[in-house]
Amino acid sequence: MISTFETDYPITAVRETNETYNSYLCRNMRDGGLCGILSIHDKSLFPSIVSWLTDAVDPDAFTDFIEYFMFNDDLCIVMKYTQGLTLEKKLTTEALSLAERLELGRKILERAVLLDIPEYFLDKCFSPNCIMVEPDLTVSFNYPIEDIMKDRNCSAKANTERVLRLLFTRELQRKVPEVLIRFFDRLPELTEGNMIDLYSEYYALCVALEGYDADSEQPRTFSYRLWEGFKKCFRKVKTVLIVLLVMVAFGYLIYTMFDTGKSKVKEPHFDRIGTVKIDKNR
């Protein structure tokens, strides 16, 4: 049990333990649900971490950050934790439509904006394994912050691009629809700005693609055009190939029957059995 004056956090699992910190999964007895607690042992790190948390985190907006406190001479940082299906698992196990994936991306960016997530925490939670997705496409984040003792001047730019590109892997390979490709051409520039501007541009993309028919545009890449052309040609010649195969099989059957009729099997002839000579006149 990890306790404060106001609440208890019963430990349900020990995720990691070493000389620098312990990482736990706990129940949140105050608000319900689960939380992750990072318990830091090194006292020399406490002043810088506490000072940084005080400056970087707005607890009224960033509600996934629950609190920090001292317990048994350790500095404990408590973050909201969600169990369920990760974004990576969702995309690999379910065939989501373009509209559903657009909505997923919108909800991911929207939640980041509403929570006003500091850059360090944003860099940690913007990962396909840390974005949790409910069946109704509700999104939540988990925060692997075990490296908070090190450099906290992180940028979420690379992870933001990676998550958005993962959502639209098929479209980016096919290079359609064109409006989506133009958005991703500008994405490196958009991620240099703030999350609100990125969300605004993404929302405009969603509006532009509302009701879009995925079959209305042909792929623009050579490999996809080649593959589609091969499939069309194969459909046309498939019947002819089947007929030819049947004819070859029938011809081979006739040939083997005819060849069997011509063959003459010679009966064995013996002149002697051991040392006894056989008289053919008897």
C-alpha atoms as a PDB file:
ATOM      1  CA  MET A   1       0.000   0.000   0.000  1.00  0.00           C
ATOM      2  CA  ILE A   2       1.180   3.492  -0.879  1.00  0.00           C
ATOM      3  CA  SER A   3      -0.639   6.123   1.168  1.00  0.00           C
ATOM      4  CA  THR A   4      -1.064   9.878   1.520  1.00  0.00           C
ATOM      5  CA  PHE A   5      -3.065  11.860   4.086  1.00  0.00           C
ATOM      6  CA  GLU A   6      -5.994  11.973   1.675  1.00  0.00           C
ATOM      7  CA  THR A   7      -6.082   8.575  -0.042  1.00  0.00           C
ATOM      8  CA  ASP A   8      -4.610   5.085  -0.394  1.00  0.00           C
ATOM      9  CA  TYR A   9      -3.123   3.448  -3.476  1.00  0.00           C
ATOM     10  CA  PRO A  10      -3.223  -0.361  -3.100  1.00  0.00           C
ATOM     11  CA  ILE A  11      -0.491  -1.904  -5.264  1.00  0.00           C
ATOM     12  CA  THR A  12      -1.843  -4.403  -7.793  1.00  0.00           C
ATOM     13  CA  ALA A  13       1.408  -5.076  -9.696  1.00  0.00           C
ATOM     14  CA  VAL A  14       5.108  -4.274  -9.522  1.00  0.00           C
ATOM     15  CA  ARG A  15       6.138  -3.291 -13.046  1.00  0.00           C
ATOM     16  CA  GLU A  16       9.829  -2.595 -12.413  1.00  0.00           C
ATOM     17  CA  THR A  17      12.213  -2.187  -9.487  1.00  0.00           C
ATOM     18  CA  ASN A  18      15.888  -1.153  -9.366  1.00  0.00           C
ATOM     19  CA  GLU A  19      18.319   0.991  -7.391  1.00  0.00           C
ATOM     20  CA  THR A  20      16.938   4.244  -8.823  1.00  0.00           C
ATOM     21  CA  TYR A  21      13.167   3.759  -8.740  1.00  0.00           C
ATOM     22  CA  ASN A  22      10.226   1.395  -8.377  1.00  0.00           C
ATOM     23  CA  SER A  23       7.324   1.393 -10.822  1.00  0.00           C
ATOM     24  CA  TYR A  24       3.901   0.182  -9.649  1.00  0.00           C
ATOM     25  CA  LEU A  25       0.411  -0.323 -10.995  1.00  0.00           C
ATOM     26  CA  CYS A  26      -2.103   0.700  -8.306  1.00  0.00           C
ATOM     27  CA  ARG A  27      -5.801   1.181  -7.685  1.00  0.00           C
ATOM     28  CA  ASN A  28      -6.946   4.753  -7.227  1.00  0.00           C
ATOM     29  CA  MET A  29      -9.188   4.668  -4.145  1.00  0.00           C
ATOM     30  CA  ARG A  30     -10.082   8.357  -4.507  1.00  0.00           C
ATOM     31  CA  ASP A  31     -11.303   8.527  -8.109  1.00  0.00           C
ATOM     32  CA  GLY A  32     -11.564   4.846  -9.046  1.00  0.00           C
ATOM     33  CA  GLY A  33      -9.770   3.102 -11.859  1.00  0.00           C
ATOM     34  CA  LEU A  34      -6.036   2.443 -12.071  1.00  0.00           C
ATOM     35  CA  CYS A  35      -2.929   4.580 -11.869  1.00  0.00           C
ATOM     36  CA  GLY A  36       0.787   4.178 -12.403  1.00  0.00           C
ATOM     37  CA  ILE A  37       3.117   5.293  -9.615  1.00  0.00           C
ATOM     38  CA  LEU A  38       6.799   6.012 -10.115  1.00  0.00           C
ATOM     39  CA  SER A  39       8.620   5.910  -6.763  1.00  0.00           C
ATOM     40  CA  ILE A  40      12.049   7.613  -7.042  1.00  0.00           C
ATOM     41  CA  HIS A  41      14.752   6.782  -4.473  1.00  0.00           C
ATOM     42  CA  ASP A  42      17.520   9.262  -5.331  1.00  0.00           C
ATOM     43  CA  LYS A  43      17.001  12.259  -3.003  1.00  0.00           C
ATOM     44  CA  SER A  44      19.435  14.417  -4.971  1.00  0.00           C
ATOM     45  CA  LEU A  45      16.930  14.453  -7.851  1.00  0.00           C
ATOM     46  CA  PHE A  46      13.919  15.595  -5.816  1.00  0.00           C
ATOM     47  CA  PRO A  47      14.424  19.405  -5.955  1.00  0.00           C
ATOM     48  CA  SER A  48      14.857  19.591  -9.751  1.00  0.00           C
ATOM     49  CA  ILE A  49      11.961  17.227 -10.489  1.00  0.00           C
ATOM     50  CA  VAL A  50       9.552  18.947  -8.089  1.00  0.00           C
ATOM     51  CA  SER A  51      10.521  22.382  -9.410  1.00  0.00           C
ATOM     52  CA  TRP A  52      10.025  21.232 -13.001  1.00  0.00           C
ATOM     53  CA  LEU A  53       6.639  19.616 -12.240  1.00  0.00           C
ATOM     54  CA  THR A  54       5.464  22.798 -10.541  1.00  0.00           C
ATOM     55  CA  ASP A  55       6.347  24.903 -13.584  1.00  0.00           C
ATOM     56  CA  ALA A  56       5.393  22.479 -16.381  1.00  0.00           C
ATOM     57  CA  VAL A  57       2.125  20.944 -15.210  1.00  0.00           C
ATOM     58  CA  ASP A  58      -1.248  22.666 -14.945  1.00  0.00           C
ATOM     59  CA  PRO A  59      -3.119  20.154 -12.750  1.00  0.00           C
ATOM     60  CA  ASP A  60      -6.511  21.718 -13.569  1.00  0.00           C
ATOM     61  CA  ALA A  61      -6.054  20.954 -17.296  1.00  0.00           C
ATOM     62  CA  PHE A  62      -3.683  18.003 -17.298  1.00  0.00           C
ATOM     63  CA  THR A  63      -5.938  15.695 -15.276  1.00  0.00           C
ATOM     64  CA  ASP A  64      -4.031  12.561 -16.301  1.00  0.00           C
ATOM     65  CA  PHE A  65      -1.363  13.832 -13.881  1.00  0.00           C
ATOM     66  CA  ILE A  66      -2.893  12.973 -10.498  1.00  0.00           C
ATOM     67  CA  GLU A  67      -0.350  14.171  -7.911  1.00  0.00           C
ATOM     68  CA  TYR A  68       3.129  13.837  -6.417  1.00  0.00           C
ATOM     69  CA  PHE A  69       4.068  13.335  -2.753  1.00  0.00           C
ATOM     70  CA  MET A  70       6.666  11.886  -0.403  1.00  0.00           C
ATOM     71  CA  PHE A  71       6.225   8.324   0.871  1.00  0.00           C
ATOM     72  CA  ASN A  72       8.839   6.355   2.862  1.00  0.00           C
ATOM     73  CA  ASP A  73      11.519   8.857   1.800  1.00  0.00           C
ATOM     74  CA  ASP A  74      10.679   8.366  -1.893  1.00  0.00           C
ATOM     75  CA  LEU A  75       9.250  10.918  -4.309  1.00  0.00           C
ATOM     76  CA  CYS A  76       6.094   9.386  -5.813  1.00  0.00           C
ATOM     77  CA  ILE A  77       4.576  10.619  -9.085  1.00  0.00           C
ATOM     78  CA  VAL A  78       1.063   9.378  -9.835  1.00  0.00           C
ATOM     79  CA  MET A  79      -0.304   9.177 -13.398  1.00  0.00           C
ATOM     80  CA  LYS A  80      -3.624   7.913 -14.699  1.00  0.00           C
ATOM     81  CA  TYR A  81      -3.454   4.415 -16.232  1.00  0.00           C
ATOM     82  CA  THR A  82      -5.904   2.698 -18.592  1.00  0.00           C
ATOM     83  CA  GLN A  83      -6.157  -0.982 -19.450  1.00  0.00           C
ATOM     84  CA  GLY A  84      -7.520  -2.173 -22.763  1.00  0.00           C
ATOM     85  CA  LEU A  85      -6.679  -2.268 -26.463  1.00  0.00           C
ATOM     86  CA  THR A  86      -3.735  -0.223 -27.717  1.00  0.00           C
ATOM     87  CA  LEU A  87      -3.880   1.764 -30.945  1.00  0.00           C
ATOM     88  CA  GLU A  88      -1.309  -0.576 -32.497  1.00  0.00           C
ATOM     89  CA  LYS A  89      -3.427  -3.644 -31.637  1.00  0.00           C
ATOM     90  CA  LYS A  90      -6.603  -1.929 -32.837  1.00  0.00           C
ATOM     91  CA  LEU A  91      -5.112  -1.193 -36.247  1.00  0.00           C
ATOM     92  CA  THR A  92      -3.602  -4.667 -36.714  1.00  0.00           C
ATOM     93  CA  THR A  93      -6.619  -6.700 -35.574  1.00  0.00           C
ATOM     94  CA  GLU A  94      -9.525  -4.667 -36.984  1.00  0.00           C
ATOM     95  CA  ALA A  95     -10.260  -3.417 -40.502  1.00  0.00           C
ATOM     96  CA  LEU A  96     -11.123   0.196 -39.724  1.00  0.00           C
ATOM     97  CA  SER A  97     -12.597   2.372 -42.448  1.00  0.00           C
ATOM     98  CA  LEU A  98     -10.974   5.629 -43.489  1.00  0.00           C
ATOM     99  CA  ALA A  99     -13.734   7.544 -41.672  1.00  0.00           C
ATOM    100  CA  GLU A 100     -13.046   5.632 -38.446  1.00  0.00           C
ATOM    101  CA  ARG A 101      -9.309   6.235 -38.678  1.00  0.00           C
ATOM    102  CA  LEU A 102      -9.876   9.930 -39.368  1.00  0.00           C
ATOM    103  CA  GLU A 103     -12.035  10.078 -36.245  1.00  0.00           C
ATOM    104  CA  LEU A 104      -9.388   8.257 -34.212  1.00  0.00           C
ATOM    105  CA  GLY A 105      -6.755  10.765 -35.261  1.00  0.00           C
ATOM    106  CA  ARG A 106      -9.071  13.658 -34.441  1.00  0.00           C
ATOM    107  CA  LYS A 107      -9.781  12.296 -30.961  1.00  0.00           C
ATOM    108  CA  ILE A 108      -6.078  11.723 -30.253  1.00  0.00           C
ATOM    109  CA  LEU A 109      -5.169  15.307 -31.173  1.00  0.00           C
ATOM    110  CA  GLU A 110      -8.261  16.714 -29.479  1.00  0.00           C
ATOM    111  CA  ARG A 111      -7.476  14.997 -26.186  1.00  0.00           C
ATOM    112  CA  ALA A 112      -3.890  16.247 -26.302  1.00  0.00           C
ATOM    113  CA  VAL A 113      -5.186  19.804 -26.787  1.00  0.00           C
ATOM    114  CA  LEU A 114      -7.855  19.612 -24.082  1.00  0.00           C
ATOM    115  CA  LEU A 115      -5.440  18.162 -21.514  1.00  0.00           C
ATOM    116  CA  ASP A 116      -2.779  20.757 -22.401  1.00  0.00           C
ATOM    117  CA  ILE A 117      -0.190  17.979 -22.055  1.00  0.00           C
ATOM    118  CA  PRO A 118       3.364  19.237 -21.405  1.00  0.00           C
ATOM    119  CA  GLU A 119       5.856  18.319 -24.126  1.00  0.00           C
ATOM    120  CA  TYR A 120       7.682  15.699 -22.045  1.00  0.00           C
ATOM    121  CA  PHE A 121       4.491  13.772 -21.216  1.00  0.00           C
ATOM    122  CA  LEU A 122       3.227  14.236 -24.776  1.00  0.00           C
ATOM    123  CA  ASP A 123       6.390  12.628 -26.131  1.00  0.00           C
ATOM    124  CA  LYS A 124       5.821   9.626 -23.821  1.00  0.00           C
ATOM    125  CA  CYS A 125       2.132   9.049 -24.503  1.00  0.00           C
ATOM    126  CA  PHE A 126       2.208   9.581 -28.292  1.00  0.00           C
ATOM    127  CA  SER A 127       3.125   5.990 -29.022  1.00  0.00           C
ATOM    128  CA  PRO A 128       0.987   3.248 -30.643  1.00  0.00           C
ATOM    129  CA  ASN A 129       1.495   1.182 -27.465  1.00  0.00           C
ATOM    130  CA  CYS A 130       0.486   3.984 -25.086  1.00  0.00           C
ATOM    131  CA  ILE A 131      -2.657   5.234 -26.849  1.00  0.00           C
ATOM    132  CA  MET A 132      -5.621   3.207 -25.616  1.00  0.00           C
ATOM    133  CA  VAL A 133      -8.781   2.848 -27.736  1.00  0.00           C
ATOM    134  CA  GLU A 134     -12.242   1.826 -26.531  1.00  0.00           C
ATOM    135  CA  PRO A 135     -14.763   0.046 -28.823  1.00  0.00           C
ATOM    136  CA  ASP A 136     -16.562   3.391 -29.339  1.00  0.00           C
ATOM    137  CA  LEU A 137     -13.204   4.951 -30.368  1.00  0.00           C
ATOM    138  CA  THR A 138     -12.822   6.822 -27.079  1.00  0.00           C
ATOM    139  CA  VAL A 139      -9.117   7.559 -26.597  1.00  0.00           C
ATOM    140  CA  SER A 140      -6.959   7.709 -23.462  1.00  0.00           C
ATOM    141  CA  PHE A 141      -3.202   7.783 -22.779  1.00  0.00           C
ATOM    142  CA  ASN A 142      -0.680   5.905 -20.653  1.00  0.00           C
ATOM    143  CA  TYR A 143       2.582   7.562 -19.638  1.00  0.00           C
ATOM    144  CA  PRO A 144       5.858   5.576 -19.353  1.00  0.00           C
ATOM    145  CA  ILE A 145       7.823   8.245 -17.432  1.00  0.00           C
ATOM    146  CA  GLU A 146      10.611   6.102 -15.967  1.00  0.00           C
ATOM    147  CA  ASP A 147      13.214   8.384 -17.579  1.00  0.00           C
ATOM    148  CA  ILE A 148      11.917  11.542 -15.883  1.00  0.00           C
ATOM    149  CA  MET A 149      15.148  11.666 -13.853  1.00  0.00           C
ATOM    150  CA  LYS A 150      17.083  12.423 -17.071  1.00  0.00           C
ATOM    151  CA  ASP A 151      16.697  15.200 -19.632  1.00  0.00           C
ATOM    152  CA  ARG A 152      13.076  16.377 -19.637  1.00  0.00           C
ATOM    153  CA  ASN A 153      13.412  18.710 -22.617  1.00  0.00           C
ATOM    154  CA  CYS A 154      11.656  16.360 -25.032  1.00  0.00           C
ATOM    155  CA  SER A 155       9.873  17.059 -28.301  1.00  0.00           C
ATOM    156  CA  ALA A 156       6.793  15.113 -29.396  1.00  0.00           C
ATOM    157  CA  LYS A 157       7.255  16.072 -33.079  1.00  0.00           C
ATOM    158  CA  ALA A 158       8.620  12.705 -34.270  1.00  0.00           C
ATOM    159  CA  ASN A 159       6.078  10.639 -32.324  1.00  0.00           C
ATOM    160  CA  THR A 160       3.181  12.820 -33.508  1.00  0.00           C
ATOM    161  CA  GLU A 161       4.156  12.231 -37.131  1.00  0.00           C
ATOM    162  CA  ARG A 162       4.658   8.513 -36.497  1.00  0.00           C
ATOM    163  CA  VAL A 163       1.204   8.023 -34.947  1.00  0.00           C
ATOM    164  CA  LEU A 164      -0.616   9.933 -37.701  1.00  0.00           C
ATOM    165  CA  ARG A 165       1.264   8.096 -40.459  1.00  0.00           C
ATOM    166  CA  LEU A 166       0.434   4.771 -38.822  1.00  0.00           C
ATOM    167  CA  LEU A 167      -3.273   5.612 -39.030  1.00  0.00           C
ATOM    168  CA  PHE A 168      -3.094   6.098 -42.804  1.00  0.00           C
ATOM    169  CA  THR A 169      -0.431   3.620 -43.924  1.00  0.00           C
ATOM    170  CA  ARG A 170      -2.547   2.245 -46.762  1.00  0.00           C
ATOM    171  CA  GLU A 171      -3.496   5.673 -48.134  1.00  0.00           C
ATOM    172  CA  LEU A 172       0.109   6.879 -48.007  1.00  0.00           C
ATOM    173  CA  GLN A 173       1.251   3.803 -49.937  1.00  0.00           C
ATOM    174  CA  ARG A 174      -1.456   4.331 -52.556  1.00  0.00           C
ATOM    175  CA  LYS A 175      -0.957   8.135 -52.560  1.00  0.00           C
ATOM    176  CA  VAL A 176      -4.703   8.782 -52.482  1.00  0.00           C
ATOM    177  CA  PRO A 177      -6.802  10.706 -51.625  1.00  0.00           C
ATOM    178  CA  GLU A 178      -4.900  13.734 -52.840  1.00  0.00           C
ATOM    179  CA  VAL A 179      -6.084  16.050 -50.047  1.00  0.00           C
ATOM    180  CA  LEU A 180      -4.711  13.604 -47.452  1.00  0.00           C
ATOM    181  CA  ILE A 181      -1.352  13.375 -49.230  1.00  0.00           C
ATOM    182  CA  ARG A 182      -1.094  17.178 -49.291  1.00  0.00           C
ATOM    183  CA  PHE A 183      -1.714  17.242 -45.534  1.00  0.00           C
ATOM    184  CA  PHE A 184       1.109  14.763 -44.901  1.00  0.00           C
ATOM    185  CA  ASP A 185       3.437  16.701 -47.209  1.00  0.00           C
ATOM    186  CA  ARG A 186       2.946  19.640 -44.824  1.00  0.00           C
ATOM    187  CA  LEU A 187       2.988  17.546 -41.629  1.00  0.00           C
ATOM    188  CA  PRO A 188       6.688  18.148 -40.729  1.00  0.00           C
ATOM    189  CA  GLU A 189       5.976  21.881 -40.862  1.00  0.00           C
ATOM    190  CA  LEU A 190       2.722  21.549 -38.910  1.00  0.00           C
ATOM    191  CA  THR A 191       4.332  19.590 -36.073  1.00  0.00           C
ATOM    192  CA  GLU A 192       6.844  22.400 -35.579  1.00  0.00           C
ATOM    193  CA  GLY A 193       4.002  24.589 -34.313  1.00  0.00           C
ATOM    194  CA  ASN A 194       1.642  24.057 -31.399  1.00  0.00           C
ATOM    195  CA  MET A 195      -0.883  21.284 -31.032  1.00  0.00           C
ATOM    196  CA  ILE A 196      -3.881  23.599 -31.462  1.00  0.00           C
ATOM    197  CA  ASP A 197      -2.767  24.649 -34.956  1.00  0.00           C
ATOM    198  CA  LEU A 198      -2.123  21.030 -35.907  1.00  0.00           C
ATOM    199  CA  TYR A 199      -5.569  20.031 -34.640  1.00  0.00           C
ATOM    200  CA  SER A 200      -7.185  22.838 -36.672  1.00  0.00           C
ATOM    201  CA  GLU A 201      -5.489  21.676 -39.871  1.00  0.00           C
ATOM    202  CA  TYR A 202      -6.398  18.058 -39.165  1.00  0.00           C
ATOM    203  CA  TYR A 203     -10.030  18.980 -38.472  1.00  0.00           C
ATOM    204  CA  ALA A 204     -10.162  20.750 -41.842  1.00  0.00           C
ATOM    205  CA  LEU A 205      -8.845  17.531 -43.410  1.00  0.00           C
ATOM    206  CA  CYS A 206     -11.651  15.540 -41.762  1.00  0.00           C
ATOM    207  CA  VAL A 207     -14.253  17.956 -43.131  1.00  0.00           C
ATOM    208  CA  ALA A 208     -12.741  17.749 -46.629  1.00  0.00           C
ATOM    209  CA  LEU A 209     -12.861  13.937 -46.575  1.00  0.00           C
ATOM    210  CA  GLU A 210     -16.359  13.636 -45.130  1.00  0.00           C
ATOM    211  CA  GLY A 211     -18.267  11.120 -47.255  1.00  0.00           C
ATOM    212  CA  TYR A 212     -15.171  10.271 -49.309  1.00  0.00           C
ATOM    213  CA  ASP A 213     -15.459   7.051 -51.358  1.00  0.00           C
ATOM    214  CA  ALA A 214     -12.227   5.078 -51.012  1.00  0.00           C
ATOM    215  CA  ASP A 215     -12.823   3.375 -54.391  1.00  0.00           C
ATOM    216  CA  SER A 216     -13.371   6.619 -56.281  1.00  0.00           C
ATOM    217  CA  GLU A 217      -9.666   7.307 -56.852  1.00  0.00           C
ATOM    218  CA  GLN A 218      -7.148   4.972 -58.405  1.00  0.00           C
ATOM    219  CA  PRO A 219      -3.753   4.519 -56.741  1.00  0.00           C
ATOM    220  CA  ARG A 220      -1.097   6.867 -58.079  1.00  0.00           C
ATOM    221  CA  THR A 221       1.946   4.702 -57.309  1.00  0.00           C
ATOM    222  CA  PHE A 222       3.398   2.505 -60.082  1.00  0.00           C
ATOM    223  CA  SER A 223       3.454  -0.652 -57.951  1.00  0.00           C
ATOM    224  CA  TYR A 224      -0.249  -0.393 -57.103  1.00  0.00           C
ATOM    225  CA  ARG A 225      -1.227   0.350 -60.707  1.00  0.00           C
ATOM    226  CA  LEU A 226       0.824  -2.647 -61.855  1.00  0.00           C
ATOM    227  CA  TRP A 227      -0.815  -4.927 -59.285  1.00  0.00           C
ATOM    228  CA  GLU A 228      -4.330  -3.733 -60.135  1.00  0.00           C
ATOM    229  CA  GLY A 229      -3.630  -4.267 -63.843  1.00  0.00           C
ATOM    230  CA  PHE A 230      -2.362  -7.783 -63.170  1.00  0.00           C
ATOM    231  CA  LYS A 231      -5.518  -8.642 -61.183  1.00  0.00           C
ATOM    232  CA  LYS A 232      -7.790  -7.395 -63.991  1.00  0.00           C
ATOM    233  CA  CYS A 233      -5.896  -9.391 -66.627  1.00  0.00           C
ATOM    234  CA  PHE A 234      -5.901 -12.494 -64.451  1.00  0.00           C
ATOM    235  CA  ARG A 235      -9.685 -12.324 -64.025  1.00  0.00           C
ATOM    236  CA  LYS A 236     -10.093 -12.270 -67.803  1.00  0.00           C
ATOM    237  CA  VAL A 237      -7.780 -15.207 -68.575  1.00  0.00           C
ATOM    238  CA  LYS A 238      -8.670 -17.297 -65.522  1.00  0.00           C
ATOM    239  CA  THR A 239     -11.484 -19.194 -67.326  1.00  0.00           C
ATOM    240  CA  VAL A 240      -9.284 -19.878 -70.368  1.00  0.00           C
ATOM    241  CA  LEU A 241      -6.513 -21.214 -68.132  1.00  0.00           C
ATOM    242  CA  ILE A 242      -8.951 -23.544 -66.360  1.00  0.00           C
ATOM    243  CA  VAL A 243     -10.230 -24.930 -69.698  1.00  0.00           C
ATOM    244  CA  LEU A 244      -6.661 -25.472 -70.942  1.00  0.00           C
ATOM    245  CA  LEU A 245      -5.739 -27.237 -67.721  1.00  0.00           C
ATOM    246  CA  VAL A 246      -8.728 -29.590 -68.041  1.00  0.00           C
ATOM    247  CA  MET A 247      -7.870 -30.309 -71.687  1.00  0.00           C
ATOM    248  CA  VAL A 248      -4.245 -31.119 -70.831  1.00  0.00           C
ATOM    249  CA  ALA A 249      -5.324 -33.426 -68.020  1.00  0.00           C
ATOM    250  CA  PHE A 250      -7.835 -35.199 -70.295  1.00  0.00           C
ATOM    251  CA  GLY A 251      -5.216 -35.598 -73.048  1.00  0.00           C
ATOM    252  CA  TYR A 252      -2.712 -37.041 -70.605  1.00  0.00           C
ATOM    253  CA  LEU A 253      -5.337 -39.532 -69.394  1.00  0.00           C
ATOM    254  CA  ILE A 254      -6.040 -40.705 -72.994  1.00  0.00           C
ATOM    255  CA  TYR A 255      -2.290 -41.021 -73.657  1.00  0.00           C
ATOM    256  CA  THR A 256      -1.666 -43.191 -70.596  1.00  0.00           C
ATOM    257  CA  MET A 257      -4.614 -45.463 -71.462  1.00  0.00           C
ATOM    258  CA  PHE A 258      -3.318 -45.916 -75.041  1.00  0.00           C
ATOM    259  CA  ASP A 259       0.248 -46.520 -73.892  1.00  0.00           C
ATOM    260  CA  THR A 260      -0.914 -49.147 -71.409  1.00  0.00           C
ATOM    261  CA  GLY A 261      -2.744 -51.059 -74.174  1.00  0.00           C
ATOM    262  CA  LYS A 262       0.378 -51.266 -76.346  1.00  0.00           C
ATOM    263  CA  SER A 263       2.749 -52.445 -73.681  1.00  0.00           C
ATOM    264  CA  LYS A 264       3.581 -56.199 -73.607  1.00  0.00           C
ATOM    265  CA  VAL A 265       4.657 -57.741 -70.374  1.00  0.00           C
ATOM    266  CA  LYS A 266       7.018 -60.686 -70.910  1.00  0.00           C
ATOM    267  CA  GLU A 267       6.505 -63.699 -68.692  1.00  0.00           C
ATOM    268  CA  PRO A 268       9.619 -64.901 -66.851  1.00  0.00           C
ATOM    269  CA  HIS A 269      11.416 -68.012 -68.291  1.00  0.00           C
ATOM    270  CA  PHE A 270      13.515 -70.390 -66.161  1.00  0.00           C
ATOM    271  CA  ASP A 271      16.010 -73.005 -67.481  1.00  0.00           C
ATOM    272  CA  ARG A 272      16.890 -74.491 -64.132  1.00  0.00           C
ATOM    273  CA  ILE A 273      16.036 -74.371 -60.474  1.00  0.00           C
ATOM    274  CA  GLY A 274      19.209 -74.470 -58.458  1.00  0.00           C
ATOM    275  CA  THR A 275      21.286 -77.380 -59.810  1.00  0.00           C
ATOM    276  CA  VAL A 276      18.257 -79.088 -61.422  1.00  0.00           C
ATOM    277  CA  LYS A 277      17.920 -78.535 -65.170  1.00  0.00           C
ATOM    278  CA  ILE A 278      14.376 -78.189 -66.479  1.00  0.00           C
ATOM    279  CA  ASP A 279      13.436 -80.392 -69.435  1.00  0.00           C
ATOM    280  CA  LYS A 280      11.253 -78.276 -71.736  1.00  0.00           C
ATOM    281  CA  ASN A 281       9.967 -81.351 -73.641  1.00  0.00           C
ATOM    282  CA  ARG A 282       8.116 -82.759 -70.691  1.00  0.00           C
END
